[in-house]
C-alpha atoms as a PDB file:
ATOM      1  CA  MET A   1      -8.298  22.889  30.692  1.00  0.00           C
ATOM      2  CA  LYS A   2      -8.864  21.784  27.195  1.00  0.00           C
ATOM      3  CA  LEU A   3     -11.197  19.487  25.233  1.00  0.00           C
ATOM      4  CA  ASN A   4     -10.157  16.403  23.338  1.00  0.00           C
ATOM      5  CA  VAL A   5     -12.924  14.846  21.182  1.00  0.00           C
ATOM      6  CA  LYS A   6     -12.563  11.308  19.772  1.00  0.00           C
ATOM      7  CA  ILE A   7     -14.943  10.464  16.847  1.00  0.00           C
ATOM      8  CA  THR A   8     -15.605   6.817  16.111  1.00  0.00           C
ATOM      9  CA  ILE A   9     -18.439   5.298  14.050  1.00  0.00           C
ATOM     10  CA  ALA A  10     -20.009   1.964  15.103  1.00  0.00           C
ATOM     11  CA  ASP A  11     -22.535  -0.374  13.558  1.00  0.00           C
ATOM     12  CA  ASP A  12     -25.951  -1.287  15.128  1.00  0.00           C
ATOM     13  CA  GLN A  13     -24.237  -3.771  17.528  1.00  0.00           C
ATOM     14  CA  ASN A  14     -21.977  -0.965  18.674  1.00  0.00           C
ATOM     15  CA  GLU A  15     -18.883  -2.486  16.946  1.00  0.00           C
ATOM     16  CA  GLU A  16     -16.556   0.291  15.951  1.00  0.00           C
ATOM     17  CA  PHE A  17     -15.450   0.195  12.408  1.00  0.00           C
ATOM     18  CA  MET A  18     -14.188   3.713  11.813  1.00  0.00           C
ATOM     19  CA  GLY A  19     -12.042   6.117  13.628  1.00  0.00           C
ATOM     20  CA  ILE A  20      -9.157   8.520  13.039  1.00  0.00           C
ATOM     21  CA  GLY A  21      -6.669   5.760  12.450  1.00  0.00           C
ATOM     22  CA  LEU A  22      -8.594   4.637   9.492  1.00  0.00           C
ATOM     23  CA  ILE A  23      -8.671   8.114   8.127  1.00  0.00           C
ATOM     24  CA  TRP A  24      -4.852   8.367   8.526  1.00  0.00           C
ATOM     25  CA  LEU A  25      -4.556   5.002   6.680  1.00  0.00           C
ATOM     26  CA  LEU A  26      -6.648   6.246   3.759  1.00  0.00           C
ATOM     27  CA  ARG A  27      -4.737   9.532   3.477  1.00  0.00           C
ATOM     28  CA  ARG A  28      -1.395   7.537   3.403  1.00  0.00           C
ATOM     29  CA  ILE A  29      -2.827   5.161   0.747  1.00  0.00           C
ATOM     30  CA  LYS A  30      -3.728   8.235  -1.290  1.00  0.00           C
ATOM     31  CA  LYS A  31      -0.275   9.630  -0.890  1.00  0.00           C
ATOM     32  CA  PHE A  32       1.847   6.432  -1.403  1.00  0.00           C
ATOM     33  CA  LYS A  33      -0.622   4.543  -3.708  1.00  0.00           C
ATOM     34  CA  SER A  34       0.137   1.429  -1.694  1.00  0.00           C
ATOM     35  CA  ILE A  35      -1.518  -0.270   1.259  1.00  0.00           C
ATOM     36  CA  ASN A  36       1.764  -1.773   2.321  1.00  0.00           C
ATOM     37  CA  GLN A  37       3.690   1.473   2.263  1.00  0.00           C
ATOM     38  CA  ALA A  38       0.823   3.291   4.033  1.00  0.00           C
ATOM     39  CA  ALA A  39       0.781   0.566   6.760  1.00  0.00           C
ATOM     40  CA  LYS A  40       4.577   0.674   7.150  1.00  0.00           C
ATOM     41  CA  ASP A  41       4.465   4.423   7.526  1.00  0.00           C
ATOM     42  CA  MET A  42       2.021   3.938  10.415  1.00  0.00           C
ATOM     43  CA  SER A  43       3.952   1.131  11.962  1.00  0.00           C
ATOM     44  CA  LEU A  44       1.005  -1.076  11.192  1.00  0.00           C
ATOM     45  CA  SER A  45       1.116  -4.642   9.795  1.00  0.00           C
ATOM     46  CA  TYR A  46      -0.122  -5.098   6.272  1.00  0.00           C
ATOM     47  CA  VAL A  47      -2.555  -7.769   7.490  1.00  0.00           C
ATOM     48  CA  LYS A  48      -4.054  -5.395  10.094  1.00  0.00           C
ATOM     49  CA  ALA A  49      -4.367  -2.638   7.415  1.00  0.00           C
ATOM     50  CA  LEU A  50      -6.189  -5.051   5.151  1.00  0.00           C
ATOM     51  CA  LYS A  51      -8.532  -6.062   7.987  1.00  0.00           C
ATOM     52  CA  ILE A  52      -9.307  -2.432   8.717  1.00  0.00           C
ATOM     53  CA  LEU A  53     -10.007  -1.590   5.074  1.00  0.00           C
ATOM     54  CA  ASN A  54     -12.053  -4.677   4.396  1.00  0.00           C
ATOM     55  CA  ARG A  55     -14.143  -3.996   7.448  1.00  0.00           C
ATOM     56  CA  LEU A  56     -14.864  -0.427   6.203  1.00  0.00           C
ATOM     57  CA  GLU A  57     -15.791  -1.677   2.805  1.00  0.00           C
ATOM     58  CA  LYS A  58     -18.144  -4.251   4.390  1.00  0.00           C
ATOM     59  CA  TYR A  59     -19.895  -1.703   6.617  1.00  0.00           C
ATOM     60  CA  LEU A  60     -20.189   0.918   3.868  1.00  0.00           C
ATOM     61  CA  ASP A  61     -21.140  -1.627   1.368  1.00  0.00           C
ATOM     62  CA  ARG A  62     -18.986   0.317  -1.106  1.00  0.00           C
ATOM     63  CA  LYS A  63     -15.493  -0.163  -2.600  1.00  0.00           C
ATOM     64  CA  ILE A  64     -13.009   2.314  -1.263  1.00  0.00           C
ATOM     65  CA  LEU A  65      -9.873   1.034  -3.004  1.00  0.00           C
ATOM     66  CA  ILE A  66      -8.930   0.105  -6.438  1.00  0.00           C
ATOM     67  CA  ARG A  67      -6.352  -2.654  -5.923  1.00  0.00           C
ATOM     68  CA  LYS A  68      -3.743  -3.601  -8.345  1.00  0.00           C
ATOM     69  CA  ARG A  69      -1.944  -6.908  -7.839  1.00  0.00           C
ATOM     70  CA  GLY A  70       1.524  -7.587  -9.068  1.00  0.00           C
ATOM     71  CA  GLY A  71       4.337  -6.775  -6.693  1.00  0.00           C
ATOM     72  CA  LYS A  72       6.677  -3.818  -6.240  1.00  0.00           C
ATOM     73  CA  ASP A  73       6.559  -2.408  -9.846  1.00  0.00           C
ATOM     74  CA  ARG A  74       2.999  -3.320 -11.023  1.00  0.00           C
ATOM     75  CA  GLY A  75       1.023  -3.418  -7.765  1.00  0.00           C
ATOM     76  CA  GLY A  76      -0.500  -0.725  -5.677  1.00  0.00           C
ATOM     77  CA  ALA A  77      -3.871   0.790  -4.538  1.00  0.00           C
ATOM     78  CA  GLU A  78      -5.765   3.928  -5.214  1.00  0.00           C
ATOM     79  CA  LEU A  79      -8.794   5.401  -3.563  1.00  0.00           C
ATOM     80  CA  THR A  80     -12.051   5.143  -5.454  1.00  0.00           C
ATOM     81  CA  PRO A  81     -13.901   8.372  -6.265  1.00  0.00           C
ATOM     82  CA  PHE A  82     -16.297   7.411  -3.511  1.00  0.00           C
ATOM     83  CA  ALA A  83     -13.340   7.125  -0.998  1.00  0.00           C
ATOM     84  CA  LYS A  84     -12.061  10.566  -1.989  1.00  0.00           C
ATOM     85  CA  GLN A  85     -15.524  12.047  -1.434  1.00  0.00           C
ATOM     86  CA  PHE A  86     -15.765  10.092   1.752  1.00  0.00           C
ATOM     87  CA  LEU A  87     -12.559  11.704   3.082  1.00  0.00           C
ATOM     88  CA  ASP A  88     -13.813  15.165   1.994  1.00  0.00           C
ATOM     89  CA  GLU A  89     -17.132  14.648   3.710  1.00  0.00           C
ATOM     90  CA  TYR A  90     -15.468  13.288   6.855  1.00  0.00           C
ATOM     91  CA  ASP A  91     -13.232  16.413   7.019  1.00  0.00           C
ATOM     92  CA  ARG A  92     -16.340  18.590   6.963  1.00  0.00           C
ATOM     93  CA  PHE A  93     -18.139  16.460   9.469  1.00  0.00           C
ATOM     94  CA  GLN A  94     -15.185  16.412  11.890  1.00  0.00           C
ATOM     95  CA  GLN A  95     -14.680  20.220  11.606  1.00  0.00           C
ATOM     96  CA  ASP A  96     -18.493  20.725  12.322  1.00  0.00           C
ATOM     97  CA  ILE A  97     -18.109  18.510  15.413  1.00  0.00           C
ATOM     98  CA  LYS A  98     -14.936  20.244  16.561  1.00  0.00           C
ATOM     99  CA  ASN A  99     -16.550  23.690  16.091  1.00  0.00           C
ATOM    100  CA  TYR A 100     -19.776  22.722  17.975  1.00  0.00           C
ATOM    101  CA  SER A 101     -17.806  20.995  20.768  1.00  0.00           C
ATOM    102  CA  THR A 102     -15.507  23.959  21.172  1.00  0.00           C
ATOM    103  CA  LYS A 103     -18.461  26.310  21.490  1.00  0.00           C
ATOM    104  CA  LYS A 104     -20.126  24.080  24.076  1.00  0.00           C
ATOM    105  CA  PHE A 105     -16.963  23.552  26.004  1.00  0.00           C
ATOM    106  CA  LEU A 106     -16.481  27.363  26.208  1.00  0.00           C
ATOM    107  CA  ASP A 107     -19.982  27.727  27.453  1.00  0.00           C
ATOM    108  CA  PHE A 108     -19.352  24.979  30.014  1.00  0.00           C
ATOM    109  CA  GLN A 109     -16.103  26.772  31.280  1.00  0.00           C
ATOM    110  CA  LYS A 110     -17.998  30.071  31.472  1.00  0.00           C
ATOM    111  CA  HIS A 111     -20.774  28.438  33.559  1.00  0.00           C
ATOM    112  CA  LEU A 112     -18.147  26.966  35.861  1.00  0.00           C
ATOM    113  CA  ILE A 113     -16.419  30.286  36.419  1.00  0.00           C
ATOM    114  CA  LYS A 114     -19.770  31.988  36.926  1.00  0.00           C
ATOM    115  CA  ASN A 115     -20.801  29.399  39.590  1.00  0.00           C
ATOM    116  CA  GLU A 116     -17.327  29.660  41.209  1.00  0.00           C
ATOM    117  CA  MET A 117     -17.836  33.383  41.704  1.00  0.00           C
ATOM    118  CA  ASN A 118     -21.256  32.960  43.516  1.00  0.00           C
END
């Protein structure tokens, strides 16, 4: 038996706007310095990637990308300092949740085994 934890963040109307897919997209943008290349690497359409990124910026009310127009040689995208900090904080947050969840899951398993023996 193992535990899988899925973390999503939603607005007040329970509309999810952030999950692990968004984090993967941001990491690829950081790596490739391109929304298009990041989307391709994830087998995601450019339009879908833009919608995901725009929705995040809307809900955070902060810019997460510095976008450069201009095509193959002059265009691109980079994470803002806020977005880089956002990824670092998310990593810490996710690790804290995983550590807590793992501990609670182990407690749960011990309880099941203890009850099974009675």
